[in-house]
């Protein structure tokens, strides 16, 4: 939720928005916690 909130606050900053999108997706990988799939 914090990544979504931060992205919403930074919607006018293209680079920051894209970075937060990356963080959102990456955190989902972290939650899944599967080393094979992560590699």
ModelCIF file with pLDDT and N, C-alpha, C, O atoms, coordinates in Angstrom:
data_MODEL
#
_entry.id   MODEL 
#
_entity.id                         1 
_entity.type                       polymer 
_entity.pdbx_number_of_molecules   1 
#
_entity_poly.entity_id                      1 
_entity_poly.type                           'polypeptide(L)' 
_entity_poly.nstd_linkage                   no 
_entity_poly.nstd_monomer                   no 
_entity_poly.pdbx_seq_one_letter_code       
;(UNK)(UNK)(UNK)(UNK)(UNK)(UNK)(UNK)(UNK)(UNK)(UNK)(UNK)(UNK)(UNK)(UNK)(UNK)(UNK)
(UNK)(UNK)(UNK)(UNK)(UNK)(UNK)(UNK)(UNK)(UNK)(UNK)(UNK)(UNK)(UNK)(UNK)(UNK)(UNK)
(UNK)(UNK)(UNK)(UNK)(UNK)(UNK)(UNK)
;
_entity_poly.pdbx_seq_one_letter_code_can   XXXXXXXXXXXXXXXXXXXXXXXXXXXXXXXXXXXXXXX 
_entity_poly.pdbx_strand_id                 A 
#
loop_
_entity_poly_seq.entity_id 
_entity_poly_seq.num 
_entity_poly_seq.mon_id 
_entity_poly_seq.hetero 
1 1  UNK n 
1 2  UNK n 
1 3  UNK n 
1 4  UNK n 
1 5  UNK n 
1 6  UNK n 
1 7  UNK n 
1 8  UNK n 
1 9  UNK n 
1 10 UNK n 
1 11 UNK n 
1 12 UNK n 
1 13 UNK n 
1 14 UNK n 
1 15 UNK n 
1 16 UNK n 
1 17 UNK n 
1 18 UNK n 
1 19 UNK n 
1 20 UNK n 
1 21 UNK n 
1 22 UNK n 
1 23 UNK n 
1 24 UNK n 
1 25 UNK n 
1 26 UNK n 
1 27 UNK n 
1 28 UNK n 
1 29 UNK n 
1 30 UNK n 
1 31 UNK n 
1 32 UNK n 
1 33 UNK n 
1 34 UNK n 
1 35 UNK n 
1 36 UNK n 
1 37 UNK n 
1 38 UNK n 
1 39 UNK n 
#
_struct_asym.id          A 
_struct_asym.entity_id   1 
#
loop_
_ma_qa_metric.id 
_ma_qa_metric.mode 
_ma_qa_metric.name 
_ma_qa_metric.software_group_id 
_ma_qa_metric.type 
1 global pLDDT . pLDDT 
2 local  pLDDT . pLDDT 
#
_ma_qa_metric_global.metric_id      1 
_ma_qa_metric_global.metric_value   93.10 
_ma_qa_metric_global.model_id       1 
_ma_qa_metric_global.ordinal_id     1 
#
loop_
_ma_qa_metric_local.label_asym_id 
_ma_qa_metric_local.label_comp_id 
_ma_qa_metric_local.label_seq_id 
_ma_qa_metric_local.metric_id 
_ma_qa_metric_local.metric_value 
_ma_qa_metric_local.model_id 
_ma_qa_metric_local.ordinal_id 
A UNK 1  2 98.00 1 1  
A UNK 2  2 98.00 1 2  
A UNK 3  2 97.00 1 3  
A UNK 4  2 97.00 1 4  
A UNK 5  2 98.00 1 5  
A UNK 6  2 98.00 1 6  
A UNK 7  2 96.00 1 7  
A UNK 8  2 97.00 1 8  
A UNK 9  2 98.00 1 9  
A UNK 10 2 96.00 1 10 
A UNK 11 2 95.00 1 11 
A UNK 12 2 94.00 1 12 
A UNK 13 2 92.00 1 13 
A UNK 14 2 88.00 1 14 
A UNK 15 2 86.00 1 15 
A UNK 16 2 91.00 1 16 
A UNK 17 2 91.00 1 17 
A UNK 18 2 86.00 1 18 
A UNK 19 2 89.00 1 19 
A UNK 20 2 93.00 1 20 
A UNK 21 2 91.00 1 21 
A UNK 22 2 88.00 1 22 
A UNK 23 2 93.00 1 23 
A UNK 24 2 95.00 1 24 
A UNK 25 2 93.00 1 25 
A UNK 26 2 92.00 1 26 
A UNK 27 2 96.00 1 27 
A UNK 28 2 96.00 1 28 
A UNK 29 2 93.00 1 29 
A UNK 30 2 95.00 1 30 
A UNK 31 2 96.00 1 31 
A UNK 32 2 95.00 1 32 
A UNK 33 2 94.00 1 33 
A UNK 34 2 92.00 1 34 
A UNK 35 2 91.00 1 35 
A UNK 36 2 91.00 1 36 
A UNK 37 2 89.00 1 37 
A UNK 38 2 87.00 1 38 
A UNK 39 2 86.00 1 39 
#
loop_
_atom_site.group_PDB 
_atom_site.id 
_atom_site.type_symbol 
_atom_site.label_atom_id 
_atom_site.label_alt_id 
_atom_site.label_comp_id 
_atom_site.label_asym_id 
_atom_site.label_entity_id 
_atom_site.label_seq_id 
_atom_site.pdbx_PDB_ins_code 
_atom_site.Cartn_x 
_atom_site.Cartn_y 
_atom_site.Cartn_z 
_atom_site.occupancy 
_atom_site.B_iso_or_equiv 
_atom_site.pdbx_formal_charge 
_atom_site.auth_seq_id 
_atom_site.auth_comp_id 
_atom_site.auth_asym_id 
_atom_site.auth_atom_id 
_atom_site.pdbx_PDB_model_num 
ATOM 1   N N  . UNK A 1 1  ? 0.836  -1.206  0.000   1.00 98.00 ? 1  UNK A N  1 
ATOM 2   C CA . UNK A 1 1  ? 0.000  0.000   0.000   1.00 98.00 ? 1  UNK A CA 1 
ATOM 3   C C  . UNK A 1 1  ? 0.867  1.251   0.000   1.00 98.00 ? 1  UNK A C  1 
ATOM 4   O O  . UNK A 1 1  ? 0.534  2.238   -0.655  1.00 98.00 ? 1  UNK A O  1 
ATOM 5   N N  . UNK A 1 2  ? 1.978  1.213   0.730   1.00 98.00 ? 2  UNK A N  1 
ATOM 6   C CA . UNK A 1 2  ? 2.850  2.400   0.772   1.00 98.00 ? 2  UNK A CA 1 
ATOM 7   C C  . UNK A 1 2  ? 3.458  2.693   -0.598  1.00 98.00 ? 2  UNK A C  1 
ATOM 8   O O  . UNK A 1 2  ? 3.634  3.859   -0.952  1.00 98.00 ? 2  UNK A O  1 
ATOM 9   N N  . UNK A 1 3  ? 3.783  1.654   -1.378  1.00 97.00 ? 3  UNK A N  1 
ATOM 10  C CA . UNK A 1 3  ? 4.295  1.885   -2.734  1.00 97.00 ? 3  UNK A CA 1 
ATOM 11  C C  . UNK A 1 3  ? 3.223  2.532   -3.608  1.00 97.00 ? 3  UNK A C  1 
ATOM 12  O O  . UNK A 1 3  ? 3.522  3.421   -4.405  1.00 97.00 ? 3  UNK A O  1 
ATOM 13  N N  . UNK A 1 4  ? 1.978  2.089   -3.460  1.00 97.00 ? 4  UNK A N  1 
ATOM 14  C CA . UNK A 1 4  ? 0.883  2.677   -4.228  1.00 97.00 ? 4  UNK A CA 1 
ATOM 15  C C  . UNK A 1 4  ? 0.659  4.127   -3.809  1.00 97.00 ? 4  UNK A C  1 
ATOM 16  O O  . UNK A 1 4  ? 0.501  5.002   -4.660  1.00 97.00 ? 4  UNK A O  1 
ATOM 17  N N  . UNK A 1 5  ? 0.646  4.383   -2.505  1.00 98.00 ? 5  UNK A N  1 
ATOM 18  C CA . UNK A 1 5  ? 0.456  5.753   -2.013  1.00 98.00 ? 5  UNK A CA 1 
ATOM 19  C C  . UNK A 1 5  ? 1.573  6.674   -2.487  1.00 98.00 ? 5  UNK A C  1 
ATOM 20  O O  . UNK A 1 5  ? 1.319  7.805   -2.903  1.00 98.00 ? 5  UNK A O  1 
ATOM 21  N N  . UNK A 1 6  ? 2.813  6.185   -2.422  1.00 98.00 ? 6  UNK A N  1 
ATOM 22  C CA . UNK A 1 6  ? 3.957  6.990   -2.869  1.00 98.00 ? 6  UNK A CA 1 
ATOM 23  C C  . UNK A 1 6  ? 3.887  7.247   -4.378  1.00 98.00 ? 6  UNK A C  1 
ATOM 24  O O  . UNK A 1 6  ? 4.210  8.340   -4.843  1.00 98.00 ? 6  UNK A O  1 
ATOM 25  N N  . UNK A 1 7  ? 3.465  6.234   -5.136  1.00 96.00 ? 7  UNK A N  1 
ATOM 26  C CA . UNK A 1 7  ? 3.335  6.406   -6.587  1.00 96.00 ? 7  UNK A CA 1 
ATOM 27  C C  . UNK A 1 7  ? 2.272  7.455   -6.896  1.00 96.00 ? 7  UNK A C  1 
ATOM 28  O O  . UNK A 1 7  ? 2.450  8.280   -7.792  1.00 96.00 ? 7  UNK A O  1 
ATOM 29  N N  . UNK A 1 8  ? 1.177  7.421   -6.160  1.00 97.00 ? 8  UNK A N  1 
ATOM 30  C CA . UNK A 1 8  ? 0.115  8.406   -6.370  1.00 97.00 ? 8  UNK A CA 1 
ATOM 31  C C  . UNK A 1 8  ? 0.623  9.822   -6.082  1.00 97.00 ? 8  UNK A C  1 
ATOM 32  O O  . UNK A 1 8  ? 0.305  10.760  -6.813  1.00 97.00 ? 8  UNK A O  1 
ATOM 33  N N  . UNK A 1 9  ? 1.408  9.969   -5.020  1.00 98.00 ? 9  UNK A N  1 
ATOM 34  C CA . UNK A 1 9  ? 1.974  11.283  -4.676  1.00 98.00 ? 9  UNK A CA 1 
ATOM 35  C C  . UNK A 1 9  ? 2.970  11.761  -5.729  1.00 98.00 ? 9  UNK A C  1 
ATOM 36  O O  . UNK A 1 9  ? 3.158  12.963  -5.915  1.00 98.00 ? 9  UNK A O  1 
ATOM 37  N N  . UNK A 1 10 ? 3.606  10.809  -6.417  1.00 96.00 ? 10 UNK A N  1 
ATOM 38  C CA . UNK A 1 10 ? 4.657  11.139  -7.388  1.00 96.00 ? 10 UNK A CA 1 
ATOM 39  C C  . UNK A 1 10 ? 4.221  10.901  -8.829  1.00 96.00 ? 10 UNK A C  1 
ATOM 40  O O  . UNK A 1 10 ? 5.059  10.695  -9.707  1.00 96.00 ? 10 UNK A O  1 
ATOM 41  N N  . UNK A 1 11 ? 2.927  10.929  -9.071  1.00 95.00 ? 11 UNK A N  1 
ATOM 42  C CA . UNK A 1 11 ? 2.421  10.614  -10.418 1.00 95.00 ? 11 UNK A CA 1 
ATOM 43  C C  . UNK A 1 11 ? 2.947  11.597  -11.473 1.00 95.00 ? 11 UNK A C  1 
ATOM 44  O O  . UNK A 1 11 ? 3.028  11.245  -12.650 1.00 95.00 ? 11 UNK A O  1 
ATOM 45  N N  . UNK A 1 12 ? 3.299  12.803  -11.075 1.00 94.00 ? 12 UNK A N  1 
ATOM 46  C CA . UNK A 1 12 ? 3.825  13.786  -12.032 1.00 94.00 ? 12 UNK A CA 1 
ATOM 47  C C  . UNK A 1 12 ? 5.332  13.693  -12.239 1.00 94.00 ? 12 UNK A C  1 
ATOM 48  O O  . UNK A 1 12 ? 5.880  14.375  -13.106 1.00 94.00 ? 12 UNK A O  1 
ATOM 49  N N  . UNK A 1 13 ? 6.001  12.864  -11.461 1.00 92.00 ? 13 UNK A N  1 
ATOM 50  C CA . UNK A 1 13 ? 7.446  12.664  -11.590 1.00 92.00 ? 13 UNK A CA 1 
ATOM 51  C C  . UNK A 1 13 ? 7.670  11.298  -12.249 1.00 92.00 ? 13 UNK A C  1 
ATOM 52  O O  . UNK A 1 13 ? 7.651  10.262  -11.584 1.00 92.00 ? 13 UNK A O  1 
ATOM 53  N N  . UNK A 1 14 ? 7.881  11.319  -13.560 1.00 88.00 ? 14 UNK A N  1 
ATOM 54  C CA . UNK A 1 14 ? 7.984  10.090  -14.345 1.00 88.00 ? 14 UNK A CA 1 
ATOM 55  C C  . UNK A 1 14 ? 9.000  9.100   -13.780 1.00 88.00 ? 14 UNK A C  1 
ATOM 56  O O  . UNK A 1 14 ? 8.693  7.923   -13.590 1.00 88.00 ? 14 UNK A O  1 
ATOM 57  N N  . UNK A 1 15 ? 10.201 9.584   -13.516 1.00 86.00 ? 15 UNK A N  1 
ATOM 58  C CA . UNK A 1 15 ? 11.264 8.691   -13.055 1.00 86.00 ? 15 UNK A CA 1 
ATOM 59  C C  . UNK A 1 15 ? 10.957 8.085   -11.694 1.00 86.00 ? 15 UNK A C  1 
ATOM 60  O O  . UNK A 1 15 ? 11.159 6.889   -11.484 1.00 86.00 ? 15 UNK A O  1 
ATOM 61  N N  . UNK A 1 16 ? 10.476 8.898   -10.779 1.00 91.00 ? 16 UNK A N  1 
ATOM 62  C CA . UNK A 1 16 ? 10.141 8.388   -9.442  1.00 91.00 ? 16 UNK A CA 1 
ATOM 63  C C  . UNK A 1 16 ? 8.975  7.406   -9.529  1.00 91.00 ? 16 UNK A C  1 
ATOM 64  O O  . UNK A 1 16 ? 8.969  6.385   -8.842  1.00 91.00 ? 16 UNK A O  1 
ATOM 65  N N  . UNK A 1 17 ? 8.000  7.711   -10.365 1.00 91.00 ? 17 UNK A N  1 
ATOM 66  C CA . UNK A 1 17 ? 6.849  6.832   -10.535 1.00 91.00 ? 17 UNK A CA 1 
ATOM 67  C C  . UNK A 1 17 ? 7.293  5.466   -11.050 1.00 91.00 ? 17 UNK A C  1 
ATOM 68  O O  . UNK A 1 17 ? 6.875  4.440   -10.514 1.00 91.00 ? 17 UNK A O  1 
ATOM 69  N N  . UNK A 1 18 ? 8.138  5.440   -12.086 1.00 86.00 ? 18 UNK A N  1 
ATOM 70  C CA . UNK A 1 18 ? 8.621  4.184   -12.650 1.00 86.00 ? 18 UNK A CA 1 
ATOM 71  C C  . UNK A 1 18 ? 9.422  3.408   -11.605 1.00 86.00 ? 18 UNK A C  1 
ATOM 72  O O  . UNK A 1 18 ? 9.311  2.185   -11.518 1.00 86.00 ? 18 UNK A O  1 
ATOM 73  N N  . UNK A 1 19 ? 10.226 4.115   -10.816 1.00 89.00 ? 19 UNK A N  1 
ATOM 74  C CA . UNK A 1 19 ? 10.996 3.462   -9.749  1.00 89.00 ? 19 UNK A CA 1 
ATOM 75  C C  . UNK A 1 19 ? 10.049 2.809   -8.733  1.00 89.00 ? 19 UNK A C  1 
ATOM 76  O O  . UNK A 1 19 ? 10.274 1.675   -8.311  1.00 89.00 ? 19 UNK A O  1 
ATOM 77  N N  . UNK A 1 20 ? 9.002  3.520   -8.349  1.00 93.00 ? 20 UNK A N  1 
ATOM 78  C CA . UNK A 1 20 ? 8.047  2.972   -7.381  1.00 93.00 ? 20 UNK A CA 1 
ATOM 79  C C  . UNK A 1 20 ? 7.271  1.792   -7.965  1.00 93.00 ? 20 UNK A C  1 
ATOM 80  O O  . UNK A 1 20 ? 6.929  0.858   -7.241  1.00 93.00 ? 20 UNK A O  1 
ATOM 81  N N  . UNK A 1 21 ? 6.994  1.829   -9.258  1.00 91.00 ? 21 UNK A N  1 
ATOM 82  C CA . UNK A 1 21 ? 6.366  0.679   -9.912  1.00 91.00 ? 21 UNK A CA 1 
ATOM 83  C C  . UNK A 1 21 ? 7.285  -0.533  -9.832  1.00 91.00 ? 21 UNK A C  1 
ATOM 84  O O  . UNK A 1 21 ? 6.846  -1.642  -9.527  1.00 91.00 ? 21 UNK A O  1 
ATOM 85  N N  . UNK A 1 22 ? 8.553  -0.310  -10.107 1.00 88.00 ? 22 UNK A N  1 
ATOM 86  C CA . UNK A 1 22 ? 9.526  -1.405  -10.001 1.00 88.00 ? 22 UNK A CA 1 
ATOM 87  C C  . UNK A 1 22 ? 9.525  -1.961  -8.582  1.00 88.00 ? 22 UNK A C  1 
ATOM 88  O O  . UNK A 1 22 ? 9.503  -3.177  -8.394  1.00 88.00 ? 22 UNK A O  1 
ATOM 89  N N  . UNK A 1 23 ? 9.549  -1.084  -7.583  1.00 93.00 ? 23 UNK A N  1 
ATOM 90  C CA . UNK A 1 23 ? 9.567  -1.514  -6.173  1.00 93.00 ? 23 UNK A CA 1 
ATOM 91  C C  . UNK A 1 23 ? 8.309  -2.328  -5.841  1.00 93.00 ? 23 UNK A C  1 
ATOM 92  O O  . UNK A 1 23 ? 8.383  -3.329  -5.129  1.00 93.00 ? 23 UNK A O  1 
ATOM 93  N N  . UNK A 1 24 ? 7.171  -1.895  -6.355  1.00 95.00 ? 24 UNK A N  1 
ATOM 94  C CA . UNK A 1 24 ? 5.906  -2.609  -6.144  1.00 95.00 ? 24 UNK A CA 1 
ATOM 95  C C  . UNK A 1 24 ? 6.032  -4.055  -6.635  1.00 95.00 ? 24 UNK A C  1 
ATOM 96  O O  . UNK A 1 24 ? 5.729  -4.997  -5.903  1.00 95.00 ? 24 UNK A O  1 
ATOM 97  N N  . UNK A 1 25 ? 6.484  -4.216  -7.879  1.00 93.00 ? 25 UNK A N  1 
ATOM 98  C CA . UNK A 1 25 ? 6.614  -5.551  -8.450  1.00 93.00 ? 25 UNK A CA 1 
ATOM 99  C C  . UNK A 1 25 ? 7.666  -6.365  -7.705  1.00 93.00 ? 25 UNK A C  1 
ATOM 100 O O  . UNK A 1 25 ? 7.455  -7.542  -7.416  1.00 93.00 ? 25 UNK A O  1 
ATOM 101 N N  . UNK A 1 26 ? 8.778  -5.749  -7.401  1.00 92.00 ? 26 UNK A N  1 
ATOM 102 C CA . UNK A 1 26 ? 9.864  -6.455  -6.720  1.00 92.00 ? 26 UNK A CA 1 
ATOM 103 C C  . UNK A 1 26 ? 9.429  -6.941  -5.341  1.00 92.00 ? 26 UNK A C  1 
ATOM 104 O O  . UNK A 1 26 ? 9.803  -8.035  -4.918  1.00 92.00 ? 26 UNK A O  1 
ATOM 105 N N  . UNK A 1 27 ? 8.643  -6.135  -4.649  1.00 96.00 ? 27 UNK A N  1 
ATOM 106 C CA . UNK A 1 27 ? 8.200  -6.544  -3.319  1.00 96.00 ? 27 UNK A CA 1 
ATOM 107 C C  . UNK A 1 27 ? 7.279  -7.764  -3.400  1.00 96.00 ? 27 UNK A C  1 
ATOM 108 O O  . UNK A 1 27 ? 7.286  -8.605  -2.502  1.00 96.00 ? 27 UNK A O  1 
ATOM 109 N N  . UNK A 1 28 ? 6.498  -7.862  -4.458  1.00 96.00 ? 28 UNK A N  1 
ATOM 110 C CA . UNK A 1 28 ? 5.662  -9.051  -4.649  1.00 96.00 ? 28 UNK A CA 1 
ATOM 111 C C  . UNK A 1 28 ? 6.551  -10.289 -4.782  1.00 96.00 ? 28 UNK A C  1 
ATOM 112 O O  . UNK A 1 28 ? 6.216  -11.345 -4.245  1.00 96.00 ? 28 UNK A O  1 
ATOM 113 N N  . UNK A 1 29 ? 7.685  -10.172 -5.494  1.00 93.00 ? 29 UNK A N  1 
ATOM 114 C CA . UNK A 1 29 ? 8.627  -11.293 -5.603  1.00 93.00 ? 29 UNK A CA 1 
ATOM 115 C C  . UNK A 1 29 ? 9.156  -11.659 -4.214  1.00 93.00 ? 29 UNK A C  1 
ATOM 116 O O  . UNK A 1 29 ? 9.287  -12.835 -3.876  1.00 93.00 ? 29 UNK A O  1 
ATOM 117 N N  . UNK A 1 30 ? 9.458  -10.625 -3.416  1.00 95.00 ? 30 UNK A N  1 
ATOM 118 C CA . UNK A 1 30 ? 9.983  -10.869 -2.072  1.00 95.00 ? 30 UNK A CA 1 
ATOM 119 C C  . UNK A 1 30 ? 8.968  -11.606 -1.199  1.00 95.00 ? 30 UNK A C  1 
ATOM 120 O O  . UNK A 1 30 ? 9.333  -12.510 -0.448  1.00 95.00 ? 30 UNK A O  1 
ATOM 121 N N  . UNK A 1 31 ? 7.708  -11.222 -1.298  1.00 96.00 ? 31 UNK A N  1 
ATOM 122 C CA . UNK A 1 31 ? 6.669  -11.893 -0.512  1.00 96.00 ? 31 UNK A CA 1 
ATOM 123 C C  . UNK A 1 31 ? 6.575  -13.362 -0.922  1.00 96.00 ? 31 UNK A C  1 
ATOM 124 O O  . UNK A 1 31 ? 6.467  -14.244 -0.070  1.00 96.00 ? 31 UNK A O  1 
ATOM 125 N N  . UNK A 1 32 ? 6.617  -13.619 -2.225  1.00 95.00 ? 32 UNK A N  1 
ATOM 126 C CA . UNK A 1 32 ? 6.522  -14.991 -2.727  1.00 95.00 ? 32 UNK A CA 1 
ATOM 127 C C  . UNK A 1 32 ? 7.667  -15.847 -2.186  1.00 95.00 ? 32 UNK A C  1 
ATOM 128 O O  . UNK A 1 32 ? 7.484  -17.034 -1.918  1.00 95.00 ? 32 UNK A O  1 
ATOM 129 N N  . UNK A 1 33 ? 8.834  -15.252 -2.027  1.00 94.00 ? 33 UNK A N  1 
ATOM 130 C CA . UNK A 1 33 ? 9.979  -15.906 -1.381  1.00 94.00 ? 33 UNK A CA 1 
ATOM 131 C C  . UNK A 1 33 ? 10.302 -17.268 -2.002  1.00 94.00 ? 33 UNK A C  1 
ATOM 132 O O  . UNK A 1 33 ? 10.364 -18.284 -1.309  1.00 94.00 ? 33 UNK A O  1 
ATOM 133 N N  . UNK A 1 34 ? 10.504 -17.264 -3.313  1.00 92.00 ? 34 UNK A N  1 
ATOM 134 C CA . UNK A 1 34 ? 10.878 -18.478 -4.018  1.00 92.00 ? 34 UNK A CA 1 
ATOM 135 C C  . UNK A 1 34 ? 12.179 -18.193 -4.762  1.00 92.00 ? 34 UNK A C  1 
ATOM 136 O O  . UNK A 1 34 ? 12.194 -17.451 -5.744  1.00 92.00 ? 34 UNK A O  1 
ATOM 137 N N  . UNK A 1 35 ? 13.267 -18.788 -4.285  1.00 91.00 ? 35 UNK A N  1 
ATOM 138 C CA . UNK A 1 35 ? 14.598 -18.490 -4.825  1.00 91.00 ? 35 UNK A CA 1 
ATOM 139 C C  . UNK A 1 35 ? 14.742 -18.911 -6.292  1.00 91.00 ? 35 UNK A C  1 
ATOM 140 O O  . UNK A 1 35 ? 15.415 -18.232 -7.067  1.00 91.00 ? 35 UNK A O  1 
ATOM 141 N N  . UNK A 1 36 ? 14.129 -19.998 -6.665  1.00 91.00 ? 36 UNK A N  1 
ATOM 142 C CA . UNK A 1 36 ? 14.234 -20.465 -8.057  1.00 91.00 ? 36 UNK A CA 1 
ATOM 143 C C  . UNK A 1 36 ? 13.537 -19.471 -8.987  1.00 91.00 ? 36 UNK A C  1 
ATOM 144 O O  . UNK A 1 36 ? 14.114 -19.017 -9.975  1.00 91.00 ? 36 UNK A O  1 
ATOM 145 N N  . UNK A 1 37 ? 12.288 -19.143 -8.656  1.00 89.00 ? 37 UNK A N  1 
ATOM 146 C CA . UNK A 1 37 ? 11.550 -18.192 -9.487  1.00 89.00 ? 37 UNK A CA 1 
ATOM 147 C C  . UNK A 1 37 ? 12.217 -16.820 -9.492  1.00 89.00 ? 37 UNK A C  1 
ATOM 148 O O  . UNK A 1 37 ? 12.246 -16.144 -10.520 1.00 89.00 ? 37 UNK A O  1 
ATOM 149 N N  . UNK A 1 38 ? 12.753 -16.409 -8.344  1.00 87.00 ? 38 UNK A N  1 
ATOM 150 C CA . UNK A 1 38 ? 13.432 -15.107 -8.268  1.00 87.00 ? 38 UNK A CA 1 
ATOM 151 C C  . UNK A 1 38 ? 14.665 -15.074 -9.161  1.00 87.00 ? 38 UNK A C  1 
ATOM 152 O O  . UNK A 1 38 ? 14.924 -14.062 -9.812  1.00 87.00 ? 38 UNK A O  1 
ATOM 153 N N  . UNK A 1 39 ? 15.423 -16.156 -9.204  1.00 86.00 ? 39 UNK A N  1 
ATOM 154 C CA . UNK A 1 39 ? 16.618 -16.207 -10.056 1.00 86.00 ? 39 UNK A CA 1 
ATOM 155 C C  . UNK A 1 39 ? 16.225 -16.094 -11.533 1.00 86.00 ? 39 UNK A C  1 
ATOM 156 O O  . UNK A 1 39 ? 17.092 -16.117 -12.406 1.00 86.00 ? 39 UNK A O  1 
#
